[in-house]
Amino acid sequence: MADLPVSRRSVLRSAAFAGALAVLPGLLSACGPAEQEAGTAAKKSLDVLRVALPSSIGSLDAAKEAGIMNYVVALLVQESLVGVGPDGSLQPSLAESWARKNATTYVYKLRPGVTFSDGSPLTAADVVASLNLHARKGSTTAFAYAYANVDTIEATGDAEVTIKLKSPDAAFAWVPTPGTLLVTSAKFIEATGERIGTPEGKLLGTGPYKVAEFAPDSHVTLERNDAYRGGRPAFRQIRIDFIPEESTRLLAMRGDNVDVALNVPAEQIDQWKAVPGAQVLTAADRSLVTLAFNTAKKPWDDVHVRRAVAHAVDREGIVRSVLRGHGKVATAVPDPAQWGGVLDEAEGAALYAAIPQYGFDLAQAKAELAKSATPQGFADTLTYPSSGPQLGRAALTLAENLKTIGITLEVKEVPLEQWIADLGKHGSGVYLGWYFATTGDPAEYVQQLLHGGATGENGTNIAEYDNAEVTGLLDQAKAGTDDAARGKLLGQALVRAAADVPYQPLWWGEAATAFGRAVAAEGFGPYFFVGPWATKVAAR
């Protein structure tokens, strides 16, 4: 069979993306003479890039603690076989090319001359060892689910890796990308073992930086990797501080003690923009915030309870008042921008029009609760991560609405690490899910959240939703190789699942990142942080 290329760029039909994409052409020309002079001085002297993260990190290894902040650090140190471009398409990374030989066989040709930051050369054996961390039988890494269909992984040459699947999977091309693969060396894996990602073990990769120091409750210090294949990085060092308090991060930017601050709260954007010389860049990031109802736990196993709560959520009000318009009401799990190359614009519009919706209606919410096994109401707890204050504020508005129909919802803030761990346990009745797209494929969210095989502790289906019809549709979508047919099957699964309300999507997000007076960013967009992002930041 002739080679079937899987690295072809997909065309993302998304006017929303194009309109939200923020870049910085002519940045200095917008400044006054004094600011230009200060920027010129900064360009000459800036040696350390100072970054503020809104939460601490318990492990640098994203495969152990798969939170978005881990990726922000890890992707400056490690790379994947295949990358994700600014438009969400597949791009070469450590693999300079790849092909699907048949429906179940993928072959990757490694880029020549790549070395790890310790000076050792990248080999096919290193890639195989990195893949096997997740694909080996019994693996409990956060990425293991993505490799459940892998049959064999072999080095079929000094610079060639072949992956064979047990059965066809149309979305497998996205698996060896940064979301579920970060390459390290076989020697490092053997020597470091379970200490990978700890302050003692750190990380090893082929990226532009290497870990010099990691203090889990305080900071990470990265040093430049002068042997990086992409050229000598601009900054000698990157100091990443964990600053959960919103006002403290803002004060640090005002005091010129921070150059980059992630997760600027929507209600503070104007305050951040008022910092002299600072730039706040926003872009629709295809993230999803959703309520997830544990369908295996009472009283959430009752569809009338789930419908009642879904009707009690004022999604439009949340986007307007909590997000200050920096987001969109989510009407399904994947953002419409995720469907490029799978469904065309007309097909996408028809799909979203067919997905059942549960609009804000407290009278309807009360009526649904009256049909349930708990018509007088009940009490439960809903947690949110400290790095997502907007999630907490949205939850509080929901709690106020639920009081009127007899449901008491206690809203609690917890550290990000605890929130992630609790999601994996599937022990609560209701959750807030917060997801960030690492691929340009709609199946990323749909398969993880709706497939019956992803239930159980550490499964990605946190709603414990197991519908045979939906799972069957998703299995058909995975097995097919025609994108148009796959898109229709995914759509059918979304429509069918929405009738059962395992999730009530709240909003599709917008990233807001602040850059201080001394730096500028190039190509800020949905996938800015899904790769070696600091190489796109420069002194000005």
Protein backbone atom coordinates (compact mmCIF):
# COMPACT_ATOMS: atom_id res chain seq x y z
CA MET A 1 0.00 0.00 0.00
CA ALA A 2 1.26 3.49 -0.80
CA ASP A 3 2.32 5.71 2.07
CA LEU A 4 -0.54 7.76 3.50
CA PRO A 5 0.82 11.09 4.78
CA VAL A 6 -0.54 12.12 8.16
CA SER A 7 1.42 15.35 8.52
CA ARG A 8 -0.74 17.25 6.02
CA ARG A 9 -1.78 20.64 7.37
CA SER A 10 -5.47 20.84 8.18
CA VAL A 11 -7.37 23.96 7.24
CA LEU A 12 -9.16 25.32 10.29
CA ARG A 13 -12.25 27.22 9.26
CA SER A 14 -12.57 29.51 12.22
CA ALA A 15 -13.33 33.19 11.88
CA ALA A 16 -13.42 33.41 15.66
CA PHE A 17 -9.85 32.14 15.86
CA ALA A 18 -8.63 34.55 13.21
CA GLY A 19 -10.28 37.48 14.95
CA ALA A 20 -8.96 36.57 18.39
CA LEU A 21 -5.39 35.77 17.39
CA ALA A 22 -3.17 38.46 18.89
CA VAL A 23 0.29 39.31 17.53
CA LEU A 24 2.63 42.15 18.27
CA PRO A 25 3.79 43.85 15.07
CA GLY A 26 5.31 47.27 15.50
CA LEU A 27 5.08 47.07 19.28
CA LEU A 28 7.68 49.74 19.97
CA SER A 29 6.15 52.12 17.49
CA ALA A 30 3.10 52.33 19.75
CA CYS A 31 5.21 53.55 22.68
CA GLY A 32 6.35 57.03 23.51
CA PRO A 33 10.04 58.04 23.25
CA ALA A 34 10.77 57.33 26.90
CA GLU A 35 9.24 53.84 26.68
CA GLN A 36 11.16 53.13 23.47
CA GLU A 37 14.37 54.10 25.21
CA ALA A 38 13.56 51.88 28.19
CA GLY A 39 12.73 49.02 25.80
CA THR A 40 16.05 49.42 23.99
CA ALA A 41 17.92 49.30 27.28
CA ALA A 42 15.99 46.19 28.31
CA LYS A 43 16.88 44.47 25.05
CA LYS A 44 20.55 45.01 25.76
CA SER A 45 20.45 43.91 29.39
CA LEU A 46 17.65 41.34 29.82
CA ASP A 47 19.30 38.07 30.71
CA VAL A 48 16.70 36.38 32.91
CA LEU A 49 13.07 35.96 31.89
CA ARG A 50 10.84 36.15 34.96
CA VAL A 51 7.54 34.26 34.75
CA ALA A 52 4.63 34.11 37.21
CA LEU A 53 2.40 31.02 37.29
CA PRO A 54 -0.96 31.14 39.12
CA SER A 55 -0.40 27.89 40.99
CA SER A 56 2.30 25.67 42.39
CA ILE A 57 3.43 22.41 40.74
CA GLY A 58 3.89 19.17 42.63
CA SER A 59 5.82 17.42 39.84
CA LEU A 60 7.54 18.63 36.69
CA ASP A 61 6.54 15.39 34.99
CA ALA A 62 3.28 16.10 33.13
CA ALA A 63 2.70 12.34 32.89
CA LYS A 64 2.41 12.19 36.68
CA GLU A 65 0.50 15.40 37.32
CA ALA A 66 -1.19 16.34 34.06
CA GLY A 67 -2.13 19.93 34.80
CA ILE A 68 -1.71 22.69 32.25
CA MET A 69 0.93 24.46 34.40
CA ASN A 70 3.17 21.39 34.23
CA TYR A 71 3.15 21.67 30.46
CA VAL A 72 4.14 25.34 30.62
CA VAL A 73 7.39 24.24 32.28
CA ALA A 74 7.94 20.81 30.73
CA LEU A 75 7.58 21.99 27.13
CA LEU A 76 10.56 24.30 27.57
CA VAL A 77 12.64 21.25 28.48
CA GLN A 78 11.18 18.34 26.49
CA GLU A 79 9.84 17.85 22.98
CA SER A 80 7.58 15.34 21.29
CA LEU A 81 7.79 13.34 18.09
CA VAL A 82 5.22 15.56 16.40
CA GLY A 83 4.34 19.17 17.23
CA VAL A 84 1.20 21.29 17.02
CA GLY A 85 1.31 24.40 14.84
CA PRO A 86 -0.24 27.80 15.57
CA ASP A 87 -3.39 26.78 13.70
CA GLY A 88 -3.70 23.42 15.48
CA SER A 89 -2.23 21.36 12.64
CA LEU A 90 0.36 18.59 12.97
CA GLN A 91 3.93 19.83 12.54
CA PRO A 92 7.40 18.19 12.49
CA SER A 93 9.25 18.18 15.80
CA LEU A 94 11.72 15.43 16.76
CA ALA A 95 10.31 13.51 13.82
CA GLU A 96 11.15 15.32 10.60
CA SER A 97 8.56 13.23 8.74
CA TRP A 98 6.07 10.45 9.36
CA ALA A 99 3.68 8.26 7.40
CA ARG A 100 0.82 5.86 7.96
CA LYS A 101 1.93 2.73 6.08
CA ASN A 102 -1.46 1.11 6.51
CA ALA A 103 -4.48 1.49 8.79
CA THR A 104 -2.53 0.32 11.87
CA THR A 105 1.14 1.13 11.17
CA TYR A 106 2.86 4.50 11.71
CA VAL A 107 6.52 5.14 10.87
CA TYR A 108 8.48 8.15 12.20
CA LYS A 109 11.80 9.36 10.77
CA LEU A 110 13.85 11.19 13.40
CA ARG A 111 15.51 14.52 12.77
CA PRO A 112 19.31 14.06 12.51
CA GLY A 113 21.82 15.70 14.84
CA VAL A 114 19.49 16.25 17.83
CA THR A 115 21.04 16.00 21.30
CA PHE A 116 19.70 16.04 24.83
CA SER A 117 20.75 18.89 27.10
CA ASP A 118 23.32 16.56 28.72
CA GLY A 119 25.06 16.23 25.34
CA SER A 120 23.95 12.70 24.50
CA PRO A 121 22.48 12.11 21.02
CA LEU A 122 18.79 11.39 20.51
CA THR A 123 18.27 7.84 19.21
CA ALA A 124 15.31 5.73 18.19
CA ALA A 125 15.87 3.70 21.38
CA ASP A 126 15.24 6.85 23.45
CA VAL A 127 11.95 7.49 21.70
CA VAL A 128 10.89 3.85 22.18
CA ALA A 129 11.71 4.05 25.90
CA SER A 130 9.75 7.28 26.27
CA LEU A 131 6.73 5.80 24.50
CA ASN A 132 6.90 2.64 26.58
CA LEU A 133 6.59 4.63 29.80
CA HIS A 134 2.92 4.98 28.85
CA ALA A 135 2.31 2.04 26.52
CA ARG A 136 3.72 -0.76 28.67
CA LYS A 137 1.25 -3.10 30.33
CA GLY A 138 0.13 -1.81 33.71
CA SER A 139 1.33 1.75 33.14
CA THR A 140 -0.41 4.23 35.44
CA THR A 141 0.87 7.45 33.91
CA ALA A 142 -1.60 10.20 33.05
CA PHE A 143 -0.92 9.48 29.36
CA ALA A 144 -1.46 5.70 29.48
CA TYR A 145 -5.03 5.93 28.21
CA ALA A 146 -3.80 7.30 24.87
CA TYR A 147 -1.69 4.16 24.24
CA ALA A 148 -4.24 1.48 25.15
CA ASN A 149 -4.60 0.53 21.48
CA VAL A 150 -0.85 0.20 20.84
CA ASP A 151 0.35 -3.30 19.97
CA THR A 152 4.10 -2.84 19.41
CA ILE A 153 6.69 -0.03 19.43
CA GLU A 154 10.03 -0.76 17.76
CA ALA A 155 13.19 0.97 16.65
CA THR A 156 13.23 -0.14 13.01
CA GLY A 157 16.42 1.80 12.28
CA ASP A 158 18.91 4.10 13.99
CA ALA A 159 16.60 7.02 13.28
CA GLU A 160 13.27 5.28 12.69
CA VAL A 161 10.46 4.27 15.06
CA THR A 162 7.50 2.12 14.03
CA ILE A 163 4.28 1.96 16.04
CA LYS A 164 1.71 -0.73 15.30
CA LEU A 165 -1.83 -0.55 16.66
CA LYS A 166 -4.15 -3.38 17.63
CA SER A 167 -6.92 -1.86 15.53
CA PRO A 168 -7.29 1.23 13.32
CA ASP A 169 -7.55 4.57 15.11
CA ALA A 170 -8.11 7.61 12.93
CA ALA A 171 -7.04 9.99 15.70
CA PHE A 172 -3.78 8.22 16.61
CA ALA A 173 -1.74 10.70 14.56
CA TRP A 174 -2.30 13.14 17.45
CA VAL A 175 -1.01 10.80 20.19
CA PRO A 176 2.79 11.38 19.85
CA THR A 177 2.26 15.15 20.19
CA PRO A 178 3.03 17.21 23.33
CA GLY A 179 -0.30 16.46 25.03
CA THR A 180 0.58 12.78 25.51
CA LEU A 181 4.30 12.37 24.76
CA LEU A 182 7.39 14.15 26.07
CA VAL A 183 10.64 12.49 25.02
CA THR A 184 13.56 11.82 27.35
CA SER A 185 16.52 9.45 27.16
CA ALA A 186 16.46 5.73 27.90
CA LYS A 187 19.52 6.17 30.13
CA PHE A 188 17.79 8.92 32.12
CA ILE A 189 14.68 6.77 32.58
CA GLU A 190 16.76 3.86 33.85
CA ALA A 191 18.86 6.00 36.20
CA THR A 192 16.09 8.23 37.55
CA GLY A 193 13.00 6.01 37.59
CA GLU A 194 10.23 7.25 39.87
CA ARG A 195 12.26 10.37 40.72
CA ILE A 196 11.58 11.88 37.28
CA GLY A 197 9.90 15.23 37.83
CA THR A 198 10.97 15.57 41.46
CA PRO A 199 13.40 18.20 42.80
CA GLU A 200 16.10 15.51 42.83
CA GLY A 201 15.32 13.84 39.51
CA LYS A 202 14.20 16.91 37.53
CA LEU A 203 13.70 16.41 33.75
CA LEU A 204 15.92 15.72 30.75
CA GLY A 205 14.97 16.66 27.23
CA THR A 206 16.04 18.08 23.89
CA GLY A 207 14.28 21.43 24.37
CA PRO A 208 15.72 24.95 24.62
CA TYR A 209 16.15 24.83 28.42
CA LYS A 210 17.18 22.44 31.18
CA VAL A 211 16.08 22.34 34.82
CA ALA A 212 18.58 23.85 37.25
CA GLU A 213 16.38 23.92 40.35
CA PHE A 214 12.87 22.92 41.36
CA ALA A 215 11.23 23.90 44.65
CA PRO A 216 7.61 22.56 44.47
CA ASP A 217 6.07 25.26 46.66
CA SER A 218 8.16 28.11 45.33
CA HIS A 219 9.74 28.14 41.87
CA VAL A 220 11.52 26.47 38.97
CA THR A 221 14.78 27.78 37.54
CA LEU A 222 15.70 26.83 33.97
CA GLU A 223 19.09 27.31 32.31
CA ARG A 224 19.69 27.75 28.60
CA ASN A 225 20.51 24.66 26.54
CA ASP A 226 23.15 26.04 24.16
CA ALA A 227 22.98 22.87 22.05
CA TYR A 228 19.27 23.29 21.27
CA ARG A 229 18.54 22.38 17.65
CA GLY A 230 16.44 25.52 17.16
CA GLY A 231 19.35 27.86 17.86
CA ARG A 232 20.66 29.56 20.97
CA PRO A 233 17.70 30.67 23.16
CA ALA A 234 17.44 34.40 23.86
CA PHE A 235 17.46 34.19 27.65
CA ARG A 236 20.27 32.68 29.70
CA GLN A 237 17.85 31.75 32.46
CA ILE A 238 14.11 31.52 33.10
CA ARG A 239 12.87 31.96 36.66
CA ILE A 240 9.31 30.66 37.08
CA ASP A 241 7.67 31.64 40.38
CA PHE A 242 4.44 30.16 41.70
CA ILE A 243 2.21 33.10 42.73
CA PRO A 244 -1.37 31.94 43.34
CA GLU A 245 -2.65 35.26 44.64
CA GLU A 246 -4.04 37.38 41.80
CA SER A 247 -3.27 40.76 43.38
CA THR A 248 0.29 39.67 44.19
CA ARG A 249 0.94 38.80 40.54
CA LEU A 250 -0.41 42.18 39.49
CA LEU A 251 1.79 43.99 42.03
CA ALA A 252 4.80 42.04 40.77
CA MET A 253 4.10 43.23 37.22
CA ARG A 254 3.59 46.81 38.38
CA GLY A 255 6.88 46.64 40.25
CA ASP A 256 8.67 45.33 37.14
CA ASN A 257 9.50 42.10 38.97
CA VAL A 258 7.74 39.87 36.41
CA ASP A 259 8.06 39.75 32.62
CA VAL A 260 5.32 37.19 31.81
CA ALA A 261 2.19 36.40 33.88
CA LEU A 262 -0.20 33.64 32.87
CA ASN A 263 -3.93 33.36 33.51
CA VAL A 264 -4.77 37.03 33.93
CA PRO A 265 -8.28 37.07 35.49
CA ALA A 266 -10.93 38.43 33.15
CA GLU A 267 -12.17 40.98 35.68
CA GLN A 268 -8.62 42.34 36.12
CA ILE A 269 -7.64 42.69 32.47
CA ASP A 270 -8.15 46.47 32.48
CA GLN A 271 -5.94 46.81 35.58
CA TRP A 272 -3.19 44.78 33.93
CA LYS A 273 -3.48 46.81 30.74
CA ALA A 274 -2.96 49.96 32.80
CA VAL A 275 0.51 48.83 33.91
CA PRO A 276 2.96 51.13 32.05
CA GLY A 277 4.51 49.35 29.08
CA ALA A 278 2.65 46.07 29.69
CA GLN A 279 0.72 44.20 27.00
CA VAL A 280 -2.19 41.85 27.77
CA LEU A 281 -2.76 39.45 24.89
CA THR A 282 -5.93 37.41 24.58
CA ALA A 283 -6.96 34.59 22.26
CA ALA A 284 -9.76 32.05 22.17
CA ASP A 285 -7.80 29.05 23.44
CA ARG A 286 -10.35 26.27 22.78
CA SER A 287 -10.41 25.43 26.45
CA LEU A 288 -13.54 24.01 28.04
CA VAL A 289 -15.08 24.55 31.46
CA THR A 290 -17.90 22.15 32.19
CA LEU A 291 -19.94 20.77 35.04
CA ALA A 292 -19.54 17.00 35.24
CA PHE A 293 -22.18 14.91 37.00
CA ASN A 294 -21.12 11.55 38.43
CA THR A 295 -23.75 9.34 36.83
CA ALA A 296 -22.69 6.39 39.03
CA LYS A 297 -23.34 8.19 42.33
CA LYS A 298 -26.63 9.14 43.96
CA PRO A 299 -28.46 11.48 43.53
CA TRP A 300 -26.53 12.37 40.36
CA ASP A 301 -27.46 9.06 38.74
CA ASP A 302 -30.94 10.56 38.30
CA VAL A 303 -31.27 12.34 34.93
CA HIS A 304 -33.89 14.69 36.41
CA VAL A 305 -31.37 15.92 38.99
CA ARG A 306 -28.83 16.53 36.25
CA ARG A 307 -31.37 18.37 34.11
CA ALA A 308 -32.44 20.45 37.10
CA VAL A 309 -28.91 21.64 37.78
CA ALA A 310 -28.26 22.22 34.08
CA HIS A 311 -31.32 24.49 33.91
CA ALA A 312 -30.08 26.37 37.00
CA VAL A 313 -26.86 27.50 35.31
CA ASP A 314 -26.98 31.00 33.85
CA ARG A 315 -24.24 30.48 31.27
CA GLU A 316 -24.81 33.75 29.48
CA GLY A 317 -24.74 35.63 32.77
CA ILE A 318 -21.46 33.94 33.74
CA VAL A 319 -19.79 34.85 30.46
CA ARG A 320 -21.07 38.41 30.76
CA SER A 321 -20.37 39.10 34.45
CA VAL A 322 -17.67 36.64 35.57
CA LEU A 323 -15.65 36.46 32.34
CA ARG A 324 -16.45 40.04 31.27
CA GLY A 325 -17.11 38.76 27.78
CA HIS A 326 -13.73 36.98 27.52
CA GLY A 327 -15.20 33.63 26.49
CA LYS A 328 -18.23 32.08 24.80
CA VAL A 329 -21.16 30.06 26.09
CA ALA A 330 -20.31 26.40 25.45
CA THR A 331 -23.11 24.44 23.79
CA ALA A 332 -21.13 21.20 23.52
CA VAL A 333 -17.87 19.65 24.69
CA PRO A 334 -15.61 20.65 21.74
CA ASP A 335 -15.34 24.24 20.52
CA PRO A 336 -16.61 24.62 16.91
CA ALA A 337 -13.06 25.68 15.95
CA GLN A 338 -11.87 22.11 16.69
CA TRP A 339 -13.66 20.64 13.67
CA GLY A 340 -11.47 21.99 10.86
CA GLY A 341 -10.80 19.31 8.24
CA VAL A 342 -13.36 16.98 9.85
CA LEU A 343 -16.66 18.80 9.31
CA ASP A 344 -17.14 21.75 7.00
CA GLU A 345 -18.72 24.96 8.22
CA ALA A 346 -22.29 24.08 7.20
CA GLU A 347 -22.06 20.59 8.68
CA GLY A 348 -20.66 22.01 11.91
CA ALA A 349 -23.48 24.54 12.19
CA ALA A 350 -26.09 21.82 11.62
CA LEU A 351 -24.50 19.62 14.29
CA TYR A 352 -24.48 22.30 16.98
CA ALA A 353 -28.09 23.20 16.17
CA ALA A 354 -29.06 19.55 16.80
CA ILE A 355 -27.38 19.17 20.21
CA PRO A 356 -29.98 19.36 23.04
CA GLN A 357 -29.59 22.44 25.23
CA TYR A 358 -30.70 23.16 28.80
CA GLY A 359 -31.22 26.89 28.99
CA PHE A 360 -31.33 28.95 32.17
CA ASP A 361 -34.82 28.49 33.57
CA LEU A 362 -35.31 28.16 37.34
CA ALA A 363 -38.95 27.19 36.98
CA GLN A 364 -37.95 24.35 34.66
CA ALA A 365 -35.14 23.42 37.07
CA LYS A 366 -37.62 23.14 39.94
CA ALA A 367 -39.97 21.07 37.79
CA GLU A 368 -37.20 18.63 36.88
CA LEU A 369 -36.15 18.27 40.52
CA ALA A 370 -39.77 17.51 41.43
CA LYS A 371 -39.66 14.53 39.04
CA SER A 372 -36.52 13.15 40.69
CA ALA A 373 -36.01 10.76 43.59
CA THR A 374 -34.98 13.76 45.74
CA PRO A 375 -37.76 16.29 45.09
CA GLN A 376 -37.07 18.15 48.33
CA GLY A 377 -33.45 18.73 47.39
CA PHE A 378 -30.11 17.64 48.84
CA ALA A 379 -26.63 18.96 49.69
CA ASP A 380 -23.25 18.42 48.04
CA THR A 381 -19.84 20.03 47.58
CA LEU A 382 -18.23 21.48 44.46
CA THR A 383 -14.50 22.23 44.43
CA TYR A 384 -12.46 24.41 42.11
CA PRO A 385 -8.68 24.91 41.71
CA SER A 386 -6.95 27.90 43.29
CA SER A 387 -5.48 28.73 39.87
CA GLY A 388 -8.98 29.25 38.44
CA PRO A 389 -10.78 31.91 40.51
CA GLN A 390 -13.23 32.46 37.66
CA LEU A 391 -14.39 28.86 38.12
CA GLY A 392 -15.07 29.60 41.78
CA ARG A 393 -17.07 32.72 41.01
CA ALA A 394 -19.12 30.84 38.43
CA ALA A 395 -19.76 28.05 40.96
CA LEU A 396 -20.96 30.58 43.55
CA THR A 397 -23.52 32.00 41.11
CA LEU A 398 -24.75 28.46 40.46
CA ALA A 399 -24.97 27.78 44.21
CA GLU A 400 -27.15 30.87 44.69
CA ASN A 401 -29.50 29.71 41.95
CA LEU A 402 -29.69 26.17 43.32
CA LYS A 403 -30.76 27.47 46.75
CA THR A 404 -34.03 28.62 45.19
CA ILE A 405 -34.94 25.04 44.21
CA GLY A 406 -33.78 23.36 47.41
CA ILE A 407 -30.25 22.20 46.55
CA THR A 408 -27.41 23.30 48.84
CA LEU A 409 -24.05 23.40 47.07
CA GLU A 410 -20.96 24.18 49.14
CA VAL A 411 -18.27 25.74 46.97
CA LYS A 412 -14.67 25.16 48.12
CA GLU A 413 -11.30 26.29 46.75
CA VAL A 414 -8.52 23.68 46.83
CA PRO A 415 -4.90 23.65 45.58
CA LEU A 416 -4.52 22.73 41.92
CA GLU A 417 -2.66 19.51 42.74
CA GLN A 418 -5.45 18.34 45.07
CA TRP A 419 -8.14 19.25 42.53
CA ILE A 420 -6.42 17.20 39.81
CA ALA A 421 -5.96 14.25 42.18
CA ASP A 422 -9.62 14.36 43.24
CA LEU A 423 -10.80 14.38 39.63
CA GLY A 424 -8.88 11.16 39.09
CA LYS A 425 -10.57 9.43 42.01
CA HIS A 426 -14.11 9.88 40.62
CA GLY A 427 -15.39 9.93 44.20
CA SER A 428 -17.45 13.13 44.21
CA GLY A 429 -20.93 13.68 42.89
CA VAL A 430 -20.32 16.84 40.89
CA TYR A 431 -17.15 18.39 39.49
CA LEU A 432 -15.92 21.36 37.55
CA GLY A 433 -13.85 20.13 34.62
CA TRP A 434 -11.31 22.51 33.07
CA TYR A 435 -9.65 21.31 29.88
CA PHE A 436 -7.15 22.82 27.47
CA ALA A 437 -6.87 21.56 23.90
CA THR A 438 -3.45 20.21 22.97
CA THR A 439 -4.51 19.06 19.49
CA GLY A 440 -6.63 20.41 16.66
CA ASP A 441 -8.88 17.34 16.66
CA PRO A 442 -12.48 17.28 18.05
CA ALA A 443 -12.06 13.71 19.29
CA GLU A 444 -9.60 14.93 21.95
CA TYR A 445 -12.39 15.97 24.31
CA VAL A 446 -15.18 13.74 22.98
CA GLN A 447 -13.37 10.39 23.35
CA GLN A 448 -11.92 11.29 26.75
CA LEU A 449 -15.14 12.50 28.33
CA LEU A 450 -17.83 10.30 26.78
CA HIS A 451 -16.31 6.88 26.04
CA GLY A 452 -17.50 4.13 28.39
CA GLY A 453 -14.04 2.59 28.43
CA ALA A 454 -12.62 5.72 30.06
CA THR A 455 -14.60 5.32 33.30
CA GLY A 456 -13.14 4.15 36.61
CA GLU A 457 -10.46 5.61 38.85
CA ASN A 458 -7.92 7.64 36.89
CA GLY A 459 -10.12 7.40 33.81
CA THR A 460 -10.70 10.55 31.79
CA ASN A 461 -14.50 10.11 31.79
CA ILE A 462 -15.07 11.88 35.11
CA ALA A 463 -18.87 11.68 34.71
CA GLU A 464 -18.64 7.85 34.78
CA TYR A 465 -20.93 8.00 31.76
CA ASP A 466 -21.31 4.60 30.12
CA ASN A 467 -23.82 4.50 27.29
CA ALA A 468 -23.39 1.57 24.91
CA GLU A 469 -24.76 3.47 21.92
CA VAL A 470 -22.45 6.44 22.47
CA THR A 471 -19.43 4.22 23.04
CA GLY A 472 -20.27 2.26 19.89
CA LEU A 473 -20.40 5.45 17.83
CA LEU A 474 -17.07 6.58 19.25
CA ASP A 475 -15.51 3.19 18.50
CA GLN A 476 -16.70 3.44 14.92
CA ALA A 477 -15.24 6.94 14.69
CA LYS A 478 -11.86 5.72 15.93
CA ALA A 479 -11.78 2.77 13.54
CA GLY A 480 -12.54 4.82 10.44
CA THR A 481 -9.94 6.53 8.28
CA ASP A 482 -12.27 8.92 6.47
CA ASP A 483 -12.37 12.26 8.31
CA ALA A 484 -15.82 13.28 7.05
CA ALA A 485 -17.37 9.99 8.19
CA ARG A 486 -15.53 10.22 11.50
CA GLY A 487 -16.87 13.73 12.05
CA LYS A 488 -20.45 12.60 11.53
CA LEU A 489 -20.04 9.73 14.00
CA LEU A 490 -18.53 12.04 16.63
CA GLY A 491 -21.43 14.41 16.08
CA GLN A 492 -24.00 11.66 16.53
CA ALA A 493 -22.32 10.67 19.80
CA LEU A 494 -22.48 14.27 21.05
CA VAL A 495 -26.19 14.58 20.23
CA ARG A 496 -27.05 11.25 21.87
CA ALA A 497 -25.00 11.92 25.01
CA ALA A 498 -26.42 15.42 25.51
CA ALA A 499 -29.88 13.89 26.05
CA ASP A 500 -28.48 12.14 29.15
CA VAL A 501 -26.75 15.28 30.51
CA PRO A 502 -23.55 13.71 31.89
CA TYR A 503 -21.96 17.14 31.42
CA GLN A 504 -23.32 20.66 31.28
CA PRO A 505 -20.74 22.64 29.28
CA LEU A 506 -20.35 26.17 30.66
CA TRP A 507 -17.93 28.11 28.48
CA TRP A 508 -15.19 27.93 25.91
CA GLY A 509 -12.35 30.01 27.25
CA GLU A 510 -10.06 32.79 26.23
CA ALA A 511 -6.43 32.88 27.33
CA ALA A 512 -5.10 36.14 28.73
CA THR A 513 -1.35 36.50 29.29
CA ALA A 514 0.46 39.65 30.36
CA PHE A 515 3.88 40.59 28.97
CA GLY A 516 5.88 43.26 30.78
CA ARG A 517 7.59 46.32 29.38
CA ALA A 518 10.85 44.49 28.70
CA VAL A 519 9.54 41.71 26.44
CA ALA A 520 7.37 41.04 23.39
CA ALA A 521 5.73 37.84 22.13
CA GLU A 522 5.33 36.60 18.58
CA GLY A 523 2.31 34.65 17.34
CA PHE A 524 0.25 34.50 20.52
CA GLY A 525 -2.74 32.21 19.95
CA PRO A 526 -4.60 29.06 21.10
CA TYR A 527 -1.52 26.81 20.96
CA PHE A 528 1.12 29.31 22.08
CA PHE A 529 2.04 27.28 25.17
CA VAL A 530 1.85 23.85 23.44
CA GLY A 531 5.54 23.90 22.57
CA PRO A 532 8.79 25.75 23.42
CA TRP A 533 6.90 29.01 23.95
CA ALA A 534 9.78 31.02 25.45
CA THR A 535 11.55 30.91 22.08
CA LYS A 536 8.73 33.14 20.82
CA VAL A 537 9.39 35.74 23.54
CA ALA A 538 12.14 38.32 23.03
CA ALA A 539 13.53 41.35 24.79
CA ARG A 540 12.43 44.71 23.40
